[in-house]
Amino acid sequence: MTIAKLAGALALGVGLACLGGLAEATPGLNEKIVADPSTGVALYGFDPVAYFTDGKAVRGRRDVEAEWNGAAWRFANEANRAVFLSSPETYAPRFGGYDPSAVATGVAVAGHPLIFRIEGKRLYLFSTAQTRDGFGDLASAQKSWPKLEAELTD
């Protein structure tokens, strides 16, 4: 693990602890989709469709899951699962759930599912409220993502 990835993992671990500890373990930063390493569940179990329909993070149910892109995704209801499966790229967080502020600098720092923004009909997760509120360089993140994504393993 590179120093940058280790620093990102440490920052996320501190952030999770400060925000109620959604997970006991820090997600692996060597995966294309940020997922809880102990369960493999993307977004720590939050419903990706609900960010759009409800405008907030809503916990998904264990009995309403789907597999996509190497991760399990949970949904609040069957309708949200169906919508997601019809167009997963639309509802999954951009950059695999990594903070676009860090992605813009070529570093993988996992985003937190409670610190998000929808922009241009896409979901973005951020590691802190400060990176979310100060973010404005989407073009650099989009330019950096292909190389960074290639470095992450399936």
Protein backbone atom coordinates (compact mmCIF):
# COMPACT_ATOMS: atom_id res chain seq x y z
CA MET A 1 0.00 0.00 0.00
CA THR A 2 1.40 3.40 -0.93
CA ILE A 3 1.84 6.15 1.65
CA ALA A 4 -0.91 8.17 -0.02
CA LYS A 5 -3.35 5.25 0.17
CA LEU A 6 -2.37 4.58 3.79
CA ALA A 7 -2.95 8.23 4.67
CA GLY A 8 -6.33 8.10 2.95
CA ALA A 9 -7.29 4.98 4.88
CA LEU A 10 -6.27 6.59 8.16
CA ALA A 11 -8.24 9.76 7.36
CA LEU A 12 -11.33 7.72 6.54
CA GLY A 13 -11.01 5.67 9.72
CA VAL A 14 -10.90 8.85 11.79
CA GLY A 15 -13.82 10.28 9.81
CA LEU A 16 -15.92 7.17 10.34
CA ALA A 17 -15.22 7.25 14.06
CA CYS A 18 -16.21 10.90 14.25
CA LEU A 19 -19.43 10.31 12.30
CA GLY A 20 -20.77 7.48 14.37
CA GLY A 21 -18.53 4.65 13.21
CA LEU A 22 -20.46 3.21 10.28
CA ALA A 23 -17.87 0.47 10.10
CA GLU A 24 -15.42 -1.04 12.48
CA ALA A 25 -12.81 -1.49 9.76
CA THR A 26 -11.47 0.95 7.20
CA PRO A 27 -12.45 0.00 3.65
CA GLY A 28 -9.66 -1.32 1.49
CA LEU A 29 -8.34 1.37 -0.77
CA ASN A 30 -7.22 -1.14 -3.38
CA GLU A 31 -10.67 -1.76 -4.80
CA LYS A 32 -12.51 -0.07 -7.63
CA ILE A 33 -15.65 0.28 -5.51
CA VAL A 34 -15.36 1.50 -1.93
CA ALA A 35 -17.04 -1.19 0.14
CA ASP A 36 -17.10 -2.29 3.76
CA PRO A 37 -14.19 -4.77 3.90
CA SER A 38 -15.92 -7.01 6.43
CA THR A 39 -19.15 -7.39 4.42
CA GLY A 40 -18.35 -6.35 0.84
CA VAL A 41 -21.36 -4.03 0.91
CA ALA A 42 -21.00 -0.83 -1.10
CA LEU A 43 -21.95 2.49 0.49
CA TYR A 44 -21.86 0.75 3.89
CA GLY A 45 -25.37 -0.47 3.21
CA PHE A 46 -26.94 2.82 2.15
CA ASP A 47 -29.34 2.75 -0.82
CA PRO A 48 -27.72 4.46 -3.85
CA VAL A 49 -31.09 5.29 -5.44
CA ALA A 50 -32.41 7.00 -2.30
CA TYR A 51 -29.80 9.76 -2.60
CA PHE A 52 -31.70 10.82 -5.72
CA THR A 53 -35.29 10.02 -4.74
CA ASP A 54 -35.15 11.10 -1.09
CA GLY A 55 -32.28 13.59 -1.23
CA LYS A 56 -30.58 11.88 1.71
CA ALA A 57 -28.73 8.75 2.74
CA VAL A 58 -31.20 5.95 3.54
CA ARG A 59 -30.14 2.57 4.89
CA GLY A 60 -30.81 -0.35 2.58
CA ARG A 61 -32.24 -3.64 3.78
CA ARG A 62 -30.26 -6.86 4.00
CA ASP A 63 -33.05 -8.72 2.25
CA VAL A 64 -33.08 -6.33 -0.74
CA GLU A 65 -29.61 -6.66 -2.28
CA ALA A 66 -28.04 -6.87 -5.71
CA GLU A 67 -24.54 -7.67 -6.91
CA TRP A 68 -22.91 -5.22 -9.29
CA ASN A 69 -19.31 -4.48 -10.21
CA GLY A 70 -17.87 -6.76 -7.54
CA ALA A 71 -19.83 -5.35 -4.61
CA ALA A 72 -23.14 -6.00 -2.90
CA TRP A 73 -25.57 -3.07 -2.96
CA ARG A 74 -28.49 -2.70 -0.57
CA PHE A 75 -31.79 -0.95 -1.20
CA ALA A 76 -34.64 0.39 0.90
CA ASN A 77 -37.19 -1.37 -1.32
CA GLU A 78 -37.62 -3.57 -4.40
CA ALA A 79 -38.45 -0.61 -6.64
CA ASN A 80 -35.10 1.07 -5.88
CA ARG A 81 -33.26 -2.18 -6.61
CA ALA A 82 -35.02 -2.46 -9.98
CA VAL A 83 -34.20 1.16 -10.85
CA PHE A 84 -30.54 0.64 -9.91
CA LEU A 85 -30.22 -2.56 -11.94
CA SER A 86 -31.72 -0.84 -14.99
CA SER A 87 -28.90 1.76 -14.96
CA PRO A 88 -26.28 1.13 -12.24
CA GLU A 89 -23.77 3.64 -13.65
CA THR A 90 -26.37 6.37 -13.11
CA TYR A 91 -26.88 5.63 -9.41
CA ALA A 92 -23.53 4.25 -8.22
CA PRO A 93 -21.23 6.91 -6.79
CA ARG A 94 -18.88 8.43 -9.34
CA PHE A 95 -15.22 7.46 -9.03
CA GLY A 96 -16.22 4.25 -7.24
CA GLY A 97 -17.08 6.19 -4.10
CA TYR A 98 -13.67 7.83 -3.76
CA ASP A 99 -13.51 11.51 -2.79
CA PRO A 100 -13.29 13.53 -6.04
CA SER A 101 -11.13 16.14 -4.32
CA ALA A 102 -8.49 13.48 -3.73
CA VAL A 103 -9.07 11.84 -7.12
CA ALA A 104 -8.29 15.22 -8.73
CA THR A 105 -4.81 14.98 -7.18
CA GLY A 106 -4.36 11.34 -8.19
CA VAL A 107 -4.98 9.85 -4.75
CA ALA A 108 -7.62 7.31 -3.70
CA VAL A 109 -9.33 8.47 -0.49
CA ALA A 110 -12.59 6.70 0.30
CA GLY A 111 -15.65 8.90 0.47
CA HIS A 112 -18.10 8.70 3.37
CA PRO A 113 -21.71 7.76 2.53
CA LEU A 114 -23.12 10.53 4.72
CA ILE A 115 -21.00 13.26 3.11
CA PHE A 116 -22.30 13.51 -0.43
CA ARG A 117 -23.34 15.82 -3.19
CA ILE A 118 -25.36 15.25 -6.33
CA GLU A 119 -24.06 17.26 -9.24
CA GLY A 120 -24.93 16.85 -12.90
CA LYS A 121 -27.24 13.94 -11.99
CA ARG A 122 -24.31 12.00 -10.47
CA LEU A 123 -23.59 11.02 -6.87
CA TYR A 124 -20.25 12.04 -5.36
CA LEU A 125 -19.00 10.96 -1.93
CA PHE A 126 -16.50 13.03 0.03
CA SER A 127 -14.22 12.16 2.93
CA THR A 128 -15.03 15.36 4.85
CA ALA A 129 -17.56 18.16 4.73
CA GLN A 130 -14.68 20.54 3.99
CA THR A 131 -13.66 18.68 0.83
CA ARG A 132 -17.31 18.53 -0.24
CA ASP A 133 -18.00 22.19 0.38
CA GLY A 134 -14.75 23.35 -1.23
CA PHE A 135 -14.79 21.04 -4.22
CA GLY A 136 -14.99 22.60 -7.63
CA ASP A 137 -12.46 20.85 -9.87
CA LEU A 138 -14.51 18.05 -11.41
CA ALA A 139 -12.57 18.27 -14.68
CA SER A 140 -9.30 17.39 -12.92
CA ALA A 141 -10.95 14.48 -11.11
CA GLN A 142 -12.36 13.15 -14.38
CA LYS A 143 -8.95 13.47 -16.02
CA SER A 144 -7.13 11.72 -13.14
CA TRP A 145 -9.67 8.93 -12.59
CA PRO A 146 -8.75 6.55 -15.47
CA LYS A 147 -5.13 6.25 -14.32
CA LEU A 148 -6.09 5.97 -10.66
CA GLU A 149 -8.80 3.41 -11.45
CA ALA A 150 -6.29 1.30 -13.37
CA GLU A 151 -4.08 1.20 -10.25
CA LEU A 152 -6.92 -0.16 -8.14
CA THR A 153 -7.50 -3.90 -8.27
CA ASP A 154 -10.75 -5.72 -8.85
